[in-house]
Protein backbone atom coordinates (compact mmCIF):
# COMPACT_ATOMS: atom_id res chain seq x y z
CA MET A 1 -12.85 -1.22 -10.00
CA ALA A 2 -15.77 -1.67 -12.37
CA GLU A 3 -16.93 1.85 -11.52
CA ALA A 4 -13.55 3.30 -12.51
CA THR A 5 -13.59 1.38 -15.77
CA GLU A 6 -17.10 2.59 -16.56
CA LEU A 7 -16.15 6.17 -15.72
CA ALA A 8 -13.04 5.99 -17.88
CA SER A 9 -15.15 4.77 -20.77
CA ALA A 10 -17.75 7.49 -20.23
CA ALA A 11 -15.00 10.13 -20.09
CA SER A 12 -14.33 9.51 -23.78
CA SER A 13 -17.98 9.99 -24.73
CA ARG A 14 -18.71 12.24 -27.69
CA ASP A 15 -21.45 13.82 -25.55
CA PRO A 16 -19.68 16.55 -23.53
CA ARG A 17 -22.24 16.36 -20.72
CA ILE A 18 -21.51 12.66 -20.17
CA GLY A 19 -17.77 13.09 -20.64
CA LEU A 20 -17.43 16.02 -18.27
CA ARG A 21 -19.52 14.36 -15.56
CA ALA A 22 -17.32 11.28 -15.86
CA VAL A 23 -14.15 13.38 -15.62
CA ALA A 24 -15.47 15.07 -12.47
CA ALA A 25 -16.34 11.69 -10.93
CA LEU A 26 -12.92 10.29 -11.82
CA ARG A 27 -11.24 13.33 -10.24
CA LYS A 28 -13.19 12.75 -7.01
CA LEU A 29 -12.36 9.03 -7.02
CA LEU A 30 -8.68 9.76 -7.63
CA GLU A 31 -8.57 12.20 -4.72
CA GLN A 32 -10.14 9.59 -2.43
CA LEU A 33 -7.69 6.91 -3.56
CA GLU A 34 -4.73 9.24 -3.05
CA SER A 35 -5.86 10.05 0.49
CA VAL A 36 -6.23 6.37 1.34
CA GLN A 37 -2.77 5.52 0.01
CA VAL A 38 -1.10 8.48 1.73
CA ARG A 39 -2.71 7.41 4.99
CA HIS A 40 -1.45 3.83 4.46
CA ALA A 41 2.05 5.10 3.74
CA ARG A 42 2.11 7.34 6.82
CA ASN A 43 0.81 4.49 9.00
CA GLN A 44 3.71 2.40 7.74
CA GLY A 45 6.19 5.10 8.70
CA TRP A 46 6.85 6.70 5.32
CA SER A 47 8.15 10.25 5.38
CA TRP A 48 6.41 13.07 3.56
CA GLN A 49 9.42 13.17 1.23
CA GLU A 50 9.02 9.49 0.28
CA ILE A 51 5.31 9.95 -0.42
CA ALA A 52 5.97 13.11 -2.43
CA ALA A 53 8.58 11.34 -4.55
CA GLU A 54 6.11 8.58 -5.48
CA LEU A 55 3.41 11.13 -6.33
CA GLY A 56 5.80 13.34 -8.30
CA VAL A 57 5.15 16.43 -6.19
CA SER A 58 7.04 18.40 -3.56
CA ARG A 59 7.14 17.37 0.08
CA GLN A 60 5.49 20.67 0.96
CA ALA A 61 2.63 20.08 -1.48
CA VAL A 62 1.81 16.61 -0.19
CA HIS A 63 2.09 17.71 3.44
CA LYS A 64 -0.16 20.72 2.84
CA LYS A 65 -2.75 18.53 1.13
CA HIS A 66 -2.68 15.54 3.47
CA GLY A 67 -0.98 16.75 6.67
CA ARG A 68 -4.24 17.00 8.56
CA SER A 69 -5.33 13.45 7.66
């Protein structure tokens, strides 16, 4: 979690190079975390609709993104 905190802090840097790199790293971290949690939910028997509701997206969107995982 320290990495995420450091990245969040860097994302507000007044230096655009630092800020943009931090934003890109946070985006990558977020995608990884989402994949892990979707996998956990599916392993526990959650439907695509339940996962989609928690993520605030459509069932089709979450299935398209994570259906192969």
